[in-house]
């Protein structure tokens, strides 16, 4: 199958069907939110978050959540509506996004969490919830212990550097006696098959993205990221997915006096680039049928 030809954003606006849902995926710092806003202003629609870090209310600047000014330019949903202690998963997100998929207003779903898009367009297994006591046990275990306990089938298909995914797989295995991969093999019908939407994925070069990541983190620091981290400091818990947002652990380490601000900046930029690399690998593997878009 011949892959779709990459489009510029101007050309994309010419070919998008105005009343058909839009899905926008891409690595962090690639310009997804700006494109979603441009589409909403040109054609209408509600912008719906598909980023696992932007759902939490404790981070605005650190997670590059759309500003209040941007949110006045077009309707936005599922941004900053959860407390850091709230449990959240792809299943939670799928339930929350359902009214927007089925509602009267055209959804423009945008984010960098590939698992959310996979759940939306390919379906999600109906896995029982994890008991709180088991989650607390998993929170206390090192990543290497969680990985060592996984079944071989799940281990071979998971992002072993993504603690949240690994922990979820560990919890499923312990709670149900079945591996996550086995549950996923029984996936139900998709809420929004790709054919019912216009799937767009950012294709960006490594050098372009790495430079943009560094520039954006500097803008975050200038825009109050350190002050956000200081507000979280007294409640900081590295076991919470919300508090593992890229850049947060590094800023917290600086505020605790463990590293300098320059060291925190450098470590956060490296962590963001590593995360973006994993995202790009996911998108290349899972989104071959999506329309590739240029960041410029």
C-alpha atoms as a PDB file:
ATOM      1  CA  UNK A   1       0.000   0.000   0.000  1.00  0.00           C
ATOM      2  CA  UNK A   2       1.387   3.412  -0.984  1.00  0.00           C
ATOM      3  CA  UNK A   3       1.583   5.758   2.018  1.00  0.00           C
ATOM      4  CA  UNK A   4      -0.336   9.050   1.748  1.00  0.00           C
ATOM      5  CA  UNK A   5       1.657  12.053   0.552  1.00  0.00           C
ATOM      6  CA  UNK A   6       2.567  14.591   3.227  1.00  0.00           C
ATOM      7  CA  UNK A   7       0.564  17.812   3.058  1.00  0.00           C
ATOM      8  CA  UNK A   8       1.272  21.338   4.201  1.00  0.00           C
ATOM      9  CA  UNK A   9      -1.165  22.835   6.693  1.00  0.00           C
ATOM     10  CA  UNK A  10      -2.519  25.286   4.119  1.00  0.00           C
ATOM     11  CA  UNK A  11      -3.252  22.439   1.720  1.00  0.00           C
ATOM     12  CA  UNK A  12      -4.802  20.408   4.547  1.00  0.00           C
ATOM     13  CA  UNK A  13      -7.382  23.102   5.212  1.00  0.00           C
ATOM     14  CA  UNK A  14      -8.349  22.962   1.553  1.00  0.00           C
ATOM     15  CA  UNK A  15      -9.005  19.206   1.561  1.00  0.00           C
ATOM     16  CA  UNK A  16     -10.604  18.672   4.993  1.00  0.00           C
ATOM     17  CA  UNK A  17     -14.328  17.910   4.952  1.00  0.00           C
ATOM     18  CA  UNK A  18     -15.818  20.577   7.260  1.00  0.00           C
ATOM     19  CA  UNK A  19     -18.475  18.413   8.934  1.00  0.00           C
ATOM     20  CA  UNK A  20     -16.353  15.277   9.417  1.00  0.00           C
ATOM     21  CA  UNK A  21     -14.515  14.613  12.723  1.00  0.00           C
ATOM     22  CA  UNK A  22     -10.774  15.277  12.802  1.00  0.00           C
ATOM     23  CA  UNK A  23      -8.114  13.355  14.734  1.00  0.00           C
ATOM     24  CA  UNK A  24      -4.703  15.028  15.142  1.00  0.00           C
ATOM     25  CA  UNK A  25      -1.790  13.015  16.537  1.00  0.00           C
ATOM     26  CA  UNK A  26       1.880  13.865  16.784  1.00  0.00           C
ATOM     27  CA  UNK A  27       4.889  14.027  19.082  1.00  0.00           C
ATOM     28  CA  UNK A  28       5.191  16.601  21.820  1.00  0.00           C
ATOM     29  CA  UNK A  29       6.046  20.141  20.675  1.00  0.00           C
ATOM     30  CA  UNK A  30       5.151  19.438  17.037  1.00  0.00           C
ATOM     31  CA  UNK A  31       2.364  22.025  16.833  1.00  0.00           C
ATOM     32  CA  UNK A  32      -0.758  19.878  17.219  1.00  0.00           C
ATOM     33  CA  UNK A  33      -2.719  22.302  19.379  1.00  0.00           C
ATOM     34  CA  UNK A  34      -2.006  25.208  17.032  1.00  0.00           C
ATOM     35  CA  UNK A  35      -3.302  23.193  14.083  1.00  0.00           C
ATOM     36  CA  UNK A  36      -6.431  22.122  15.964  1.00  0.00           C
ATOM     37  CA  UNK A  37      -7.180  25.749  16.800  1.00  0.00           C
ATOM     38  CA  UNK A  38      -6.593  26.808  13.211  1.00  0.00           C
ATOM     39  CA  UNK A  39      -9.042  24.155  11.958  1.00  0.00           C
ATOM     40  CA  UNK A  40     -11.656  25.052  14.582  1.00  0.00           C
ATOM     41  CA  UNK A  41     -11.506  28.744  13.703  1.00  0.00           C
ATOM     42  CA  UNK A  42     -11.670  28.074   9.968  1.00  0.00           C
ATOM     43  CA  UNK A  43     -14.298  25.331   9.919  1.00  0.00           C
ATOM     44  CA  UNK A  44     -15.848  25.072  13.377  1.00  0.00           C
ATOM     45  CA  UNK A  45     -15.782  22.303  15.953  1.00  0.00           C
ATOM     46  CA  UNK A  46     -14.908  21.538  19.564  1.00  0.00           C
ATOM     47  CA  UNK A  47     -11.268  20.746  20.381  1.00  0.00           C
ATOM     48  CA  UNK A  48     -11.072  17.635  22.578  1.00  0.00           C
ATOM     49  CA  UNK A  49      -7.940  16.655  24.477  1.00  0.00           C
ATOM     50  CA  UNK A  50      -6.212  13.311  23.827  1.00  0.00           C
ATOM     51  CA  UNK A  51      -3.104  13.911  25.932  1.00  0.00           C
ATOM     52  CA  UNK A  52      -2.704  11.951  29.162  1.00  0.00           C
ATOM     53  CA  UNK A  53      -0.840  14.735  30.974  1.00  0.00           C
ATOM     54  CA  UNK A  54      -3.081  17.638  29.977  1.00  0.00           C
ATOM     55  CA  UNK A  55      -6.098  16.181  31.800  1.00  0.00           C
ATOM     56  CA  UNK A  56      -4.677  17.224  35.200  1.00  0.00           C
ATOM     57  CA  UNK A  57      -5.399  20.580  36.800  1.00  0.00           C
ATOM     58  CA  UNK A  58      -2.001  20.924  38.516  1.00  0.00           C
ATOM     59  CA  UNK A  59      -0.146  21.681  35.263  1.00  0.00           C
ATOM     60  CA  UNK A  60      -0.884  24.393  32.741  1.00  0.00           C
ATOM     61  CA  UNK A  61       2.540  25.559  31.592  1.00  0.00           C
ATOM     62  CA  UNK A  62       4.494  22.333  32.240  1.00  0.00           C
ATOM     63  CA  UNK A  63       2.232  20.245  29.977  1.00  0.00           C
ATOM     64  CA  UNK A  64       1.706  23.020  27.392  1.00  0.00           C
ATOM     65  CA  UNK A  65      -2.031  22.895  27.993  1.00  0.00           C
ATOM     66  CA  UNK A  66      -3.890  25.418  25.792  1.00  0.00           C
ATOM     67  CA  UNK A  67      -3.920  28.851  27.409  1.00  0.00           C
ATOM     68  CA  UNK A  68      -7.088  30.580  28.560  1.00  0.00           C
ATOM     69  CA  UNK A  69      -6.682  32.955  25.621  1.00  0.00           C
ATOM     70  CA  UNK A  70      -6.633  30.028  23.178  1.00  0.00           C
ATOM     71  CA  UNK A  71      -9.636  28.454  24.880  1.00  0.00           C
ATOM     72  CA  UNK A  72     -11.662  31.608  24.270  1.00  0.00           C
ATOM     73  CA  UNK A  73     -11.003  31.322  20.529  1.00  0.00           C
ATOM     74  CA  UNK A  74     -12.738  27.923  20.204  1.00  0.00           C
ATOM     75  CA  UNK A  75     -14.517  25.446  22.506  1.00  0.00           C
ATOM     76  CA  UNK A  76     -12.136  23.078  24.352  1.00  0.00           C
ATOM     77  CA  UNK A  77     -12.924  19.952  26.385  1.00  0.00           C
ATOM     78  CA  UNK A  78     -11.211  17.453  28.713  1.00  0.00           C
ATOM     79  CA  UNK A  79      -8.364  19.796  29.639  1.00  0.00           C
ATOM     80  CA  UNK A  80      -7.271  20.234  33.262  1.00  0.00           C
ATOM     81  CA  UNK A  81     -10.434  18.696  34.696  1.00  0.00           C
ATOM     82  CA  UNK A  82      -8.856  16.103  37.017  1.00  0.00           C
ATOM     83  CA  UNK A  83      -7.046  16.265  40.328  1.00  0.00           C
ATOM     84  CA  UNK A  84      -3.563  14.772  40.481  1.00  0.00           C
ATOM     85  CA  UNK A  85      -4.853  11.968  42.719  1.00  0.00           C
ATOM     86  CA  UNK A  86      -7.649  10.916  40.349  1.00  0.00           C
ATOM     87  CA  UNK A  87      -7.173   7.538  38.670  1.00  0.00           C
ATOM     88  CA  UNK A  88      -7.265   7.787  34.874  1.00  0.00           C
ATOM     89  CA  UNK A  89      -6.708   5.414  31.981  1.00  0.00           C
ATOM     90  CA  UNK A  90      -7.502   4.955  28.299  1.00  0.00           C
ATOM     91  CA  UNK A  91     -10.810   3.453  29.403  1.00  0.00           C
ATOM     92  CA  UNK A  92     -11.671   6.545  31.443  1.00  0.00           C
ATOM     93  CA  UNK A  93     -10.756   8.774  28.513  1.00  0.00           C
ATOM     94  CA  UNK A  94     -12.820   6.714  26.067  1.00  0.00           C
ATOM     95  CA  UNK A  95     -15.889   7.048  28.281  1.00  0.00           C
ATOM     96  CA  UNK A  96     -15.361  10.809  28.617  1.00  0.00           C
ATOM     97  CA  UNK A  97     -14.824  11.380  24.901  1.00  0.00           C
ATOM     98  CA  UNK A  98     -17.956   9.408  23.904  1.00  0.00           C
ATOM     99  CA  UNK A  99     -20.425  12.337  24.310  1.00  0.00           C
ATOM    100  CA  UNK A 100     -18.263  14.472  22.032  1.00  0.00           C
ATOM    101  CA  UNK A 101     -18.047  11.747  19.392  1.00  0.00           C
ATOM    102  CA  UNK A 102     -21.807  11.232  19.529  1.00  0.00           C
ATOM    103  CA  UNK A 103     -22.752  14.879  20.091  1.00  0.00           C
ATOM    104  CA  UNK A 104     -24.021  17.491  17.650  1.00  0.00           C
ATOM    105  CA  UNK A 105     -20.756  19.448  17.370  1.00  0.00           C
ATOM    106  CA  UNK A 106     -17.892  18.231  15.189  1.00  0.00           C
ATOM    107  CA  UNK A 107     -15.023  16.962  17.392  1.00  0.00           C
ATOM    108  CA  UNK A 108     -11.398  17.858  16.669  1.00  0.00           C
ATOM    109  CA  UNK A 109      -9.548  15.365  18.869  1.00  0.00           C
ATOM    110  CA  UNK A 110      -5.907  16.271  19.400  1.00  0.00           C
ATOM    111  CA  UNK A 111      -3.041  14.907  21.474  1.00  0.00           C
ATOM    112  CA  UNK A 112       0.074  12.828  21.740  1.00  0.00           C
ATOM    113  CA  UNK A 113      -1.195   9.763  23.607  1.00  0.00           C
ATOM    114  CA  UNK A 114      -1.236   7.093  20.934  1.00  0.00           C
ATOM    115  CA  UNK A 115      -3.081   4.601  23.124  1.00  0.00           C
ATOM    116  CA  UNK A 116      -6.081   6.934  23.321  1.00  0.00           C
ATOM    117  CA  UNK A 117      -6.328   7.126  19.534  1.00  0.00           C
ATOM    118  CA  UNK A 118      -5.912   3.364  19.237  1.00  0.00           C
ATOM    119  CA  UNK A 119      -8.714   2.822  21.748  1.00  0.00           C
ATOM    120  CA  UNK A 120     -10.929   5.264  19.857  1.00  0.00           C
ATOM    121  CA  UNK A 121     -10.359   3.938  16.337  1.00  0.00           C
ATOM    122  CA  UNK A 122      -9.701   0.233  17.016  1.00  0.00           C
ATOM    123  CA  UNK A 123     -11.614  -0.474  20.208  1.00  0.00           C
ATOM    124  CA  UNK A 124     -10.606  -1.191  23.786  1.00  0.00           C
ATOM    125  CA  UNK A 125     -10.757  -4.377  25.807  1.00  0.00           C
ATOM    126  CA  UNK A 126     -13.214  -4.362  28.735  1.00  0.00           C
ATOM    127  CA  UNK A 127     -10.663  -4.946  31.516  1.00  0.00           C
ATOM    128  CA  UNK A 128     -11.822  -4.951  35.164  1.00  0.00           C
ATOM    129  CA  UNK A 129     -10.704  -2.014  37.296  1.00  0.00           C
ATOM    130  CA  UNK A 130      -7.611  -2.397  39.469  1.00  0.00           C
ATOM    131  CA  UNK A 131      -8.312  -2.592  43.232  1.00  0.00           C
ATOM    132  CA  UNK A 132      -6.836   0.441  45.058  1.00  0.00           C
ATOM    133  CA  UNK A 133      -4.691  -1.748  47.344  1.00  0.00           C
ATOM    134  CA  UNK A 134      -3.098  -3.435  44.339  1.00  0.00           C
ATOM    135  CA  UNK A 135      -2.381  -0.082  42.699  1.00  0.00           C
ATOM    136  CA  UNK A 136      -0.720   1.110  45.902  1.00  0.00           C
ATOM    137  CA  UNK A 137       1.448  -2.021  45.886  1.00  0.00           C
ATOM    138  CA  UNK A 138       2.426  -1.381  42.253  1.00  0.00           C
ATOM    139  CA  UNK A 139       3.224   2.273  42.990  1.00  0.00           C
ATOM    140  CA  UNK A 140       5.904   1.160  45.437  1.00  0.00           C
ATOM    141  CA  UNK A 141       7.655  -1.276  43.083  1.00  0.00           C
ATOM    142  CA  UNK A 142      10.605  -0.331  40.833  1.00  0.00           C
ATOM    143  CA  UNK A 143      10.070  -0.477  37.080  1.00  0.00           C
ATOM    144  CA  UNK A 144      12.436  -3.434  36.660  1.00  0.00           C
ATOM    145  CA  UNK A 145      10.407  -5.504  39.139  1.00  0.00           C
ATOM    146  CA  UNK A 146       7.165  -4.735  37.320  1.00  0.00           C
ATOM    147  CA  UNK A 147       8.744  -5.695  34.002  1.00  0.00           C
ATOM    148  CA  UNK A 148      10.156  -8.947  35.356  1.00  0.00           C
ATOM    149  CA  UNK A 149       6.691 -10.072  36.464  1.00  0.00           C
ATOM    150  CA  UNK A 150       4.948  -9.504  33.131  1.00  0.00           C
ATOM    151  CA  UNK A 151       3.906 -12.377  30.913  1.00  0.00           C
ATOM    152  CA  UNK A 152       6.075 -12.844  27.825  1.00  0.00           C
ATOM    153  CA  UNK A 153       3.387 -11.863  25.308  1.00  0.00           C
ATOM    154  CA  UNK A 154       2.634  -8.574  27.024  1.00  0.00           C
ATOM    155  CA  UNK A 155       6.317  -7.841  27.667  1.00  0.00           C
ATOM    156  CA  UNK A 156       7.206  -8.223  23.999  1.00  0.00           C
ATOM    157  CA  UNK A 157       4.639  -5.674  22.857  1.00  0.00           C
ATOM    158  CA  UNK A 158       4.871  -2.965  25.511  1.00  0.00           C
ATOM    159  CA  UNK A 159       6.940   0.225  25.707  1.00  0.00           C
ATOM    160  CA  UNK A 160       9.277  -0.919  28.476  1.00  0.00           C
ATOM    161  CA  UNK A 161      10.397   2.657  29.191  1.00  0.00           C
ATOM    162  CA  UNK A 162       6.855   3.856  29.882  1.00  0.00           C
ATOM    163  CA  UNK A 163       6.247   3.164  33.553  1.00  0.00           C
ATOM    164  CA  UNK A 164       2.533   3.997  33.414  1.00  0.00           C
ATOM    165  CA  UNK A 165       1.959   1.406  30.676  1.00  0.00           C
ATOM    166  CA  UNK A 166       4.125  -1.207  32.382  1.00  0.00           C
ATOM    167  CA  UNK A 167       2.428  -0.674  35.730  1.00  0.00           C
ATOM    168  CA  UNK A 168      -1.006  -0.932  34.154  1.00  0.00           C
ATOM    169  CA  UNK A 169      -0.013  -4.247  32.534  1.00  0.00           C
ATOM    170  CA  UNK A 170       1.349  -5.530  35.860  1.00  0.00           C
ATOM    171  CA  UNK A 171      -1.848  -4.555  37.662  1.00  0.00           C
ATOM    172  CA  UNK A 172      -4.029  -6.268  35.053  1.00  0.00           C
ATOM    173  CA  UNK A 173      -2.030  -9.487  35.300  1.00  0.00           C
ATOM    174  CA  UNK A 174      -2.129  -9.511  39.107  1.00  0.00           C
ATOM    175  CA  UNK A 175      -5.814  -8.543  39.332  1.00  0.00           C
ATOM    176  CA  UNK A 176      -7.184 -10.876  36.677  1.00  0.00           C
ATOM    177  CA  UNK A 177      -4.628 -13.640  36.241  1.00  0.00           C
ATOM    178  CA  UNK A 178      -4.470 -12.849  32.520  1.00  0.00           C
ATOM    179  CA  UNK A 179      -1.905 -10.804  30.614  1.00  0.00           C
ATOM    180  CA  UNK A 180      -2.832  -7.430  29.145  1.00  0.00           C
ATOM    181  CA  UNK A 181      -2.053  -8.714  25.637  1.00  0.00           C
ATOM    182  CA  UNK A 182      -4.618 -11.498  26.088  1.00  0.00           C
ATOM    183  CA  UNK A 183      -7.256  -9.002  27.160  1.00  0.00           C
ATOM    184  CA  UNK A 184      -6.436  -6.743  24.227  1.00  0.00           C
ATOM    185  CA  UNK A 185      -6.937  -9.641  21.843  1.00  0.00           C
ATOM    186  CA  UNK A 186     -10.623  -9.547  22.840  1.00  0.00           C
ATOM    187  CA  UNK A 187     -11.089  -5.903  21.921  1.00  0.00           C
ATOM    188  CA  UNK A 188     -14.640  -4.754  21.224  1.00  0.00           C
ATOM    189  CA  UNK A 189     -15.963  -2.558  18.437  1.00  0.00           C
ATOM    190  CA  UNK A 190     -14.374   0.847  17.902  1.00  0.00           C
ATOM    191  CA  UNK A 191     -16.249   3.975  18.991  1.00  0.00           C
ATOM    192  CA  UNK A 192     -14.944   5.865  15.946  1.00  0.00           C
ATOM    193  CA  UNK A 193     -13.318   3.716  13.236  1.00  0.00           C
ATOM    194  CA  UNK A 194     -10.680   5.617  11.293  1.00  0.00           C
ATOM    195  CA  UNK A 195     -12.898   5.657   8.201  1.00  0.00           C
ATOM    196  CA  UNK A 196     -15.458   7.746  10.081  1.00  0.00           C
ATOM    197  CA  UNK A 197     -12.919  10.502  10.773  1.00  0.00           C
ATOM    198  CA  UNK A 198     -10.039  12.370   9.148  1.00  0.00           C
ATOM    199  CA  UNK A 199      -6.894  11.065  10.826  1.00  0.00           C
ATOM    200  CA  UNK A 200      -3.880  13.396  10.664  1.00  0.00           C
ATOM    201  CA  UNK A 201      -0.414  12.666  12.063  1.00  0.00           C
ATOM    202  CA  UNK A 202       2.529  15.070  12.262  1.00  0.00           C
ATOM    203  CA  UNK A 203       5.677  13.889  10.503  1.00  0.00           C
ATOM    204  CA  UNK A 204       8.668  15.864  11.740  1.00  0.00           C
ATOM    205  CA  UNK A 205      12.427  15.516  11.460  1.00  0.00           C
ATOM    206  CA  UNK A 206      14.437  14.648  14.563  1.00  0.00           C
ATOM    207  CA  UNK A 207      16.611  17.789  14.384  1.00  0.00           C
ATOM    208  CA  UNK A 208      13.643  20.123  13.878  1.00  0.00           C
ATOM    209  CA  UNK A 209      11.776  18.605  16.797  1.00  0.00           C
ATOM    210  CA  UNK A 210      14.789  18.511  19.125  1.00  0.00           C
ATOM    211  CA  UNK A 211      15.425  22.209  18.554  1.00  0.00           C
ATOM    212  CA  UNK A 212      11.773  23.052  19.108  1.00  0.00           C
ATOM    213  CA  UNK A 213      11.664  21.022  22.335  1.00  0.00           C
ATOM    214  CA  UNK A 214      14.595  22.992  23.778  1.00  0.00           C
ATOM    215  CA  UNK A 215      13.085  26.310  22.724  1.00  0.00           C
ATOM    216  CA  UNK A 216       9.698  25.407  24.154  1.00  0.00           C
ATOM    217  CA  UNK A 217      11.104  24.404  27.536  1.00  0.00           C
ATOM    218  CA  UNK A 218      12.841  27.763  27.783  1.00  0.00           C
ATOM    219  CA  UNK A 219       9.507  29.417  27.042  1.00  0.00           C
ATOM    220  CA  UNK A 220       7.907  27.273  29.742  1.00  0.00           C
ATOM    221  CA  UNK A 221      10.469  28.458  32.281  1.00  0.00           C
ATOM    222  CA  UNK A 222       9.843  32.053  31.264  1.00  0.00           C
ATOM    223  CA  UNK A 223       6.094  31.446  31.433  1.00  0.00           C
ATOM    224  CA  UNK A 224       5.951  30.142  35.000  1.00  0.00           C
ATOM    225  CA  UNK A 225       6.793  26.413  34.902  1.00  0.00           C
ATOM    226  CA  UNK A 226       8.994  26.682  37.986  1.00  0.00           C
ATOM    227  CA  UNK A 227       6.247  28.458  39.900  1.00  0.00           C
ATOM    228  CA  UNK A 228       3.811  25.670  38.957  1.00  0.00           C
ATOM    229  CA  UNK A 229       6.246  23.082  40.276  1.00  0.00           C
ATOM    230  CA  UNK A 230       6.696  25.064  43.491  1.00  0.00           C
ATOM    231  CA  UNK A 231       2.920  25.001  44.037  1.00  0.00           C
ATOM    232  CA  UNK A 232       2.967  21.203  43.732  1.00  0.00           C
ATOM    233  CA  UNK A 233       6.141  20.660  45.787  1.00  0.00           C
ATOM    234  CA  UNK A 234       4.546  19.958  49.169  1.00  0.00           C
ATOM    235  CA  UNK A 235       2.154  17.358  47.686  1.00  0.00           C
ATOM    236  CA  UNK A 236       4.577  15.902  45.139  1.00  0.00           C
ATOM    237  CA  UNK A 237       4.313  12.131  44.798  1.00  0.00           C
ATOM    238  CA  UNK A 238       6.384  10.487  42.032  1.00  0.00           C
ATOM    239  CA  UNK A 239       4.053   7.475  42.084  1.00  0.00           C
ATOM    240  CA  UNK A 240       1.216   9.586  40.655  1.00  0.00           C
ATOM    241  CA  UNK A 241       1.034   9.637  36.840  1.00  0.00           C
ATOM    242  CA  UNK A 242       0.097  13.327  37.063  1.00  0.00           C
ATOM    243  CA  UNK A 243       3.339  14.130  38.867  1.00  0.00           C
ATOM    244  CA  UNK A 244       5.433  12.243  36.308  1.00  0.00           C
ATOM    245  CA  UNK A 245       4.603  14.746  33.567  1.00  0.00           C
ATOM    246  CA  UNK A 246       7.702  15.394  31.461  1.00  0.00           C
ATOM    247  CA  UNK A 247       9.730  18.166  33.096  1.00  0.00           C
ATOM    248  CA  UNK A 248       8.002  17.996  36.481  1.00  0.00           C
ATOM    249  CA  UNK A 249      10.416  15.589  38.244  1.00  0.00           C
ATOM    250  CA  UNK A 250      13.381  17.656  37.078  1.00  0.00           C
ATOM    251  CA  UNK A 251      11.921  20.940  38.316  1.00  0.00           C
ATOM    252  CA  UNK A 252      10.971  19.344  41.623  1.00  0.00           C
ATOM    253  CA  UNK A 253      14.549  18.048  42.007  1.00  0.00           C
ATOM    254  CA  UNK A 254      15.819  21.598  41.523  1.00  0.00           C
ATOM    255  CA  UNK A 255      13.374  23.025  44.067  1.00  0.00           C
ATOM    256  CA  UNK A 256      14.542  20.421  46.578  1.00  0.00           C
ATOM    257  CA  UNK A 257      18.114  21.569  46.080  1.00  0.00           C
ATOM    258  CA  UNK A 258      19.305  18.368  44.407  1.00  0.00           C
ATOM    259  CA  UNK A 259      20.318  19.971  41.087  1.00  0.00           C
ATOM    260  CA  UNK A 260      20.773  23.437  39.631  1.00  0.00           C
ATOM    261  CA  UNK A 261      18.145  25.028  37.411  1.00  0.00           C
ATOM    262  CA  UNK A 262      20.449  24.616  34.405  1.00  0.00           C
ATOM    263  CA  UNK A 263      20.833  20.907  35.208  1.00  0.00           C
ATOM    264  CA  UNK A 264      17.069  20.597  35.589  1.00  0.00           C
ATOM    265  CA  UNK A 265      16.557  22.287  32.224  1.00  0.00           C
ATOM    266  CA  UNK A 266      19.069  20.000  30.498  1.00  0.00           C
ATOM    267  CA  UNK A 267      17.580  16.857  32.057  1.00  0.00           C
ATOM    268  CA  UNK A 268      14.025  17.896  31.172  1.00  0.00           C
ATOM    269  CA  UNK A 269      14.985  18.591  27.548  1.00  0.00           C
ATOM    270  CA  UNK A 270      16.661  15.172  27.281  1.00  0.00           C
ATOM    271  CA  UNK A 271      13.639  13.447  28.848  1.00  0.00           C
ATOM    272  CA  UNK A 272      11.285  15.257  26.475  1.00  0.00           C
ATOM    273  CA  UNK A 273      13.372  14.288  23.446  1.00  0.00           C
ATOM    274  CA  UNK A 274      13.403  10.654  24.560  1.00  0.00           C
ATOM    275  CA  UNK A 275       9.643  10.736  25.029  1.00  0.00           C
ATOM    276  CA  UNK A 276       9.174  12.294  21.586  1.00  0.00           C
ATOM    277  CA  UNK A 277      11.306   9.552  20.058  1.00  0.00           C
ATOM    278  CA  UNK A 278       9.021   6.903  21.546  1.00  0.00           C
ATOM    279  CA  UNK A 279       5.972   8.789  20.277  1.00  0.00           C
ATOM    280  CA  UNK A 280       7.368   8.995  16.742  1.00  0.00           C
ATOM    281  CA  UNK A 281       8.118   5.262  16.783  1.00  0.00           C
ATOM    282  CA  UNK A 282       4.526   4.541  17.876  1.00  0.00           C
ATOM    283  CA  UNK A 283       2.999   6.756  15.206  1.00  0.00           C
ATOM    284  CA  UNK A 284       5.134   5.247  12.430  1.00  0.00           C
ATOM    285  CA  UNK A 285       4.081   1.765  13.529  1.00  0.00           C
ATOM    286  CA  UNK A 286       0.398   2.313  14.306  1.00  0.00           C
ATOM    287  CA  UNK A 287      -0.676   5.165  12.039  1.00  0.00           C
ATOM    288  CA  UNK A 288       0.475   4.229   8.563  1.00  0.00           C
ATOM    289  CA  UNK A 289      -3.000   4.940   7.172  1.00  0.00           C
ATOM    290  CA  UNK A 290      -3.254   8.420   8.703  1.00  0.00           C
ATOM    291  CA  UNK A 291      -2.646  11.504   6.600  1.00  0.00           C
ATOM    292  CA  UNK A 292       0.872  12.865   7.258  1.00  0.00           C
ATOM    293  CA  UNK A 293       1.126  16.589   7.821  1.00  0.00           C
ATOM    294  CA  UNK A 294       4.104  18.940   7.742  1.00  0.00           C
ATOM    295  CA  UNK A 295       4.669  21.084  10.852  1.00  0.00           C
ATOM    296  CA  UNK A 296       5.050  24.184   8.665  1.00  0.00           C
END
